[in-house]
Amino acid sequence: MTNFSDMLSKAKAMQEKMREAQDKIKSIEVQGMSGGNLVTVTLTGDYELKSILISESAKKESQDIINDLIIAAYNNAKENLKKRSAEELSKVTGGLNLPPDFKIPF
């Protein structure tokens, strides 16, 4: 019975570490850029859009191009956030590729 108790305590410790990592991920801010830095987008760790910076030269472009630049910058920021989140989770899981929302069932 000791093995099960030991496994349970290790699982609870892992769950706490995962919770801490998820909280840390929420505090992360990443940037994404497009068009050679014409547009810069900042996202928080929970994918909240914090800011959009559009350079003066980008503002001279058509609305369609500006929209495309914003979308591309957002997508770049999202990829950067996924990488940073995976790095943080990897520290806790010892390299296991668990999804950021992974929950231990107890």
C-alpha atoms as a PDB file:
ATOM      1  CA  MET A   1       0.000   0.000   0.000  1.00  0.00           C
ATOM      2  CA  THR A   2       2.983   2.282   0.493  1.00  0.00           C
ATOM      3  CA  ASN A   3       3.678   2.353  -3.251  1.00  0.00           C
ATOM      4  CA  PHE A   4       0.172   3.625  -3.970  1.00  0.00           C
ATOM      5  CA  SER A   5       0.450   6.282  -1.252  1.00  0.00           C
ATOM      6  CA  ASP A   6       3.828   7.278  -2.615  1.00  0.00           C
ATOM      7  CA  MET A   7       2.442   7.482  -6.157  1.00  0.00           C
ATOM      8  CA  LEU A   8      -0.498   9.543  -4.936  1.00  0.00           C
ATOM      9  CA  SER A   9       1.736  12.013  -3.102  1.00  0.00           C
ATOM     10  CA  LYS A  10       4.013  12.312  -6.171  1.00  0.00           C
ATOM     11  CA  ALA A  11       0.981  12.908  -8.396  1.00  0.00           C
ATOM     12  CA  LYS A  12      -0.288  15.617  -6.047  1.00  0.00           C
ATOM     13  CA  ALA A  13       3.149  17.241  -6.026  1.00  0.00           C
ATOM     14  CA  MET A  14       3.189  17.129  -9.831  1.00  0.00           C
ATOM     15  CA  GLN A  15      -0.287  18.646  -9.913  1.00  0.00           C
ATOM     16  CA  GLU A  16       0.890  21.526  -7.720  1.00  0.00           C
ATOM     17  CA  LYS A  17       3.940  22.081  -9.935  1.00  0.00           C
ATOM     18  CA  MET A  18       1.666  22.077 -13.003  1.00  0.00           C
ATOM     19  CA  ARG A  19      -0.593  24.650 -11.341  1.00  0.00           C
ATOM     20  CA  GLU A  20       2.431  26.837 -10.569  1.00  0.00           C
ATOM     21  CA  ALA A  21       3.674  26.496 -14.163  1.00  0.00           C
ATOM     22  CA  GLN A  22       0.233  27.405 -15.523  1.00  0.00           C
ATOM     23  CA  ASP A  23       0.151  30.490 -13.272  1.00  0.00           C
ATOM     24  CA  LYS A  24       3.625  31.444 -14.469  1.00  0.00           C
ATOM     25  CA  ILE A  25       2.555  30.988 -18.083  1.00  0.00           C
ATOM     26  CA  LYS A  26      -0.360  33.384 -17.538  1.00  0.00           C
ATOM     27  CA  SER A  27       2.110  36.075 -16.499  1.00  0.00           C
ATOM     28  CA  ILE A  28       4.215  35.668 -19.647  1.00  0.00           C
ATOM     29  CA  GLU A  29       4.057  38.326 -22.339  1.00  0.00           C
ATOM     30  CA  VAL A  30       5.252  37.643 -25.863  1.00  0.00           C
ATOM     31  CA  GLN A  31       5.472  39.708 -29.002  1.00  0.00           C
ATOM     32  CA  GLY A  32       4.774  38.822 -32.564  1.00  0.00           C
ATOM     33  CA  MET A  33       5.878  40.850 -35.553  1.00  0.00           C
ATOM     34  CA  SER A  34       5.076  41.002 -39.223  1.00  0.00           C
ATOM     35  CA  GLY A  35       6.097  42.888 -42.313  1.00  0.00           C
ATOM     36  CA  GLY A  36       9.649  43.461 -41.126  1.00  0.00           C
ATOM     37  CA  ASN A  37       8.439  44.955 -37.831  1.00  0.00           C
ATOM     38  CA  LEU A  38       5.729  47.064 -39.437  1.00  0.00           C
ATOM     39  CA  VAL A  39       3.238  45.625 -36.929  1.00  0.00           C
ATOM     40  CA  THR A  40       3.992  44.349 -33.428  1.00  0.00           C
ATOM     41  CA  VAL A  41       1.422  42.547 -31.293  1.00  0.00           C
ATOM     42  CA  THR A  42       1.786  41.701 -27.596  1.00  0.00           C
ATOM     43  CA  LEU A  43      -0.079  38.738 -26.077  1.00  0.00           C
ATOM     44  CA  THR A  44      -0.342  37.638 -22.467  1.00  0.00           C
ATOM     45  CA  GLY A  45       0.102  34.016 -21.440  1.00  0.00           C
ATOM     46  CA  ASP A  46      -3.631  33.401 -21.610  1.00  0.00           C
ATOM     47  CA  TYR A  47      -3.782  34.672 -25.217  1.00  0.00           C
ATOM     48  CA  GLU A  48      -5.206  38.067 -24.285  1.00  0.00           C
ATOM     49  CA  LEU A  49      -4.263  40.720 -26.796  1.00  0.00           C
ATOM     50  CA  LYS A  50      -2.456  43.439 -24.854  1.00  0.00           C
ATOM     51  CA  SER A  51      -1.292  45.815 -27.560  1.00  0.00           C
ATOM     52  CA  ILE A  52      -0.987  46.401 -31.283  1.00  0.00           C
ATOM     53  CA  LEU A  53       1.682  48.767 -32.556  1.00  0.00           C
ATOM     54  CA  ILE A  54       1.459  49.848 -36.174  1.00  0.00           C
ATOM     55  CA  SER A  55       4.433  51.737 -37.595  1.00  0.00           C
ATOM     56  CA  GLU A  56       3.927  54.991 -39.453  1.00  0.00           C
ATOM     57  CA  SER A  57       5.042  53.402 -42.710  1.00  0.00           C
ATOM     58  CA  ALA A  58       2.464  50.622 -42.291  1.00  0.00           C
ATOM     59  CA  LYS A  59      -0.270  53.212 -41.771  1.00  0.00           C
ATOM     60  CA  LYS A  60       0.323  54.384 -45.339  1.00  0.00           C
ATOM     61  CA  GLU A  61      -0.802  50.981 -46.635  1.00  0.00           C
ATOM     62  CA  SER A  62      -4.354  50.005 -47.522  1.00  0.00           C
ATOM     63  CA  GLN A  63      -6.675  48.733 -44.809  1.00  0.00           C
ATOM     64  CA  ASP A  64      -6.524  45.213 -46.249  1.00  0.00           C
ATOM     65  CA  ILE A  65      -2.735  45.119 -45.978  1.00  0.00           C
ATOM     66  CA  ILE A  66      -2.817  46.494 -42.426  1.00  0.00           C
ATOM     67  CA  ASN A  67      -5.369  43.830 -41.472  1.00  0.00           C
ATOM     68  CA  ASP A  68      -3.159  41.114 -42.965  1.00  0.00           C
ATOM     69  CA  LEU A  69      -0.139  42.462 -41.078  1.00  0.00           C
ATOM     70  CA  ILE A  70      -2.069  42.452 -37.788  1.00  0.00           C
ATOM     71  CA  ILE A  71      -3.252  38.894 -38.360  1.00  0.00           C
ATOM     72  CA  ALA A  72       0.267  37.742 -39.243  1.00  0.00           C
ATOM     73  CA  ALA A  73       1.722  39.468 -36.165  1.00  0.00           C
ATOM     74  CA  TYR A  74      -0.927  37.871 -33.946  1.00  0.00           C
ATOM     75  CA  ASN A  75      -0.218  34.431 -35.408  1.00  0.00           C
ATOM     76  CA  ASN A  76       3.505  34.969 -34.858  1.00  0.00           C
ATOM     77  CA  ALA A  77       2.866  35.977 -31.235  1.00  0.00           C
ATOM     78  CA  LYS A  78       0.640  32.932 -30.741  1.00  0.00           C
ATOM     79  CA  GLU A  79       3.419  30.628 -31.984  1.00  0.00           C
ATOM     80  CA  ASN A  80       5.929  32.379 -29.722  1.00  0.00           C
ATOM     81  CA  LEU A  81       3.575  31.907 -26.775  1.00  0.00           C
ATOM     82  CA  LYS A  82       3.130  28.211 -27.539  1.00  0.00           C
ATOM     83  CA  LYS A  83       6.917  27.780 -27.542  1.00  0.00           C
ATOM     84  CA  ARG A  84       7.369  29.683 -24.273  1.00  0.00           C
ATOM     85  CA  SER A  85       4.506  27.743 -22.658  1.00  0.00           C
ATOM     86  CA  ALA A  86       6.034  24.449 -23.755  1.00  0.00           C
ATOM     87  CA  GLU A  87       9.388  25.517 -22.301  1.00  0.00           C
ATOM     88  CA  GLU A  88       7.797  26.323 -18.939  1.00  0.00           C
ATOM     89  CA  LEU A  89       5.871  23.056 -18.856  1.00  0.00           C
ATOM     90  CA  SER A  90       8.965  21.121 -19.859  1.00  0.00           C
ATOM     91  CA  LYS A  91      10.729  22.433 -16.754  1.00  0.00           C
ATOM     92  CA  VAL A  92       8.005  20.876 -14.602  1.00  0.00           C
ATOM     93  CA  THR A  93       7.427  17.654 -16.509  1.00  0.00           C
ATOM     94  CA  GLY A  94      11.034  16.815 -17.215  1.00  0.00           C
ATOM     95  CA  GLY A  95      10.574  17.005 -20.966  1.00  0.00           C
ATOM     96  CA  LEU A  96       7.218  15.255 -21.334  1.00  0.00           C
ATOM     97  CA  ASN A  97       5.138  16.969 -23.996  1.00  0.00           C
ATOM     98  CA  LEU A  98       1.949  17.562 -22.020  1.00  0.00           C
ATOM     99  CA  PRO A  99      -0.634  20.097 -23.200  1.00  0.00           C
ATOM    100  CA  PRO A 100      -0.762  23.378 -21.201  1.00  0.00           C
ATOM    101  CA  ASP A 101      -4.241  22.563 -19.899  1.00  0.00           C
ATOM    102  CA  PHE A 102      -3.320  19.014 -18.766  1.00  0.00           C
ATOM    103  CA  LYS A 103      -5.049  18.080 -15.513  1.00  0.00           C
ATOM    104  CA  ILE A 104      -4.091  15.234 -13.200  1.00  0.00           C
ATOM    105  CA  PRO A 105      -7.395  13.563 -12.243  1.00  0.00           C
ATOM    106  CA  PHE A 106      -7.283  14.066  -8.455  1.00  0.00           C
END
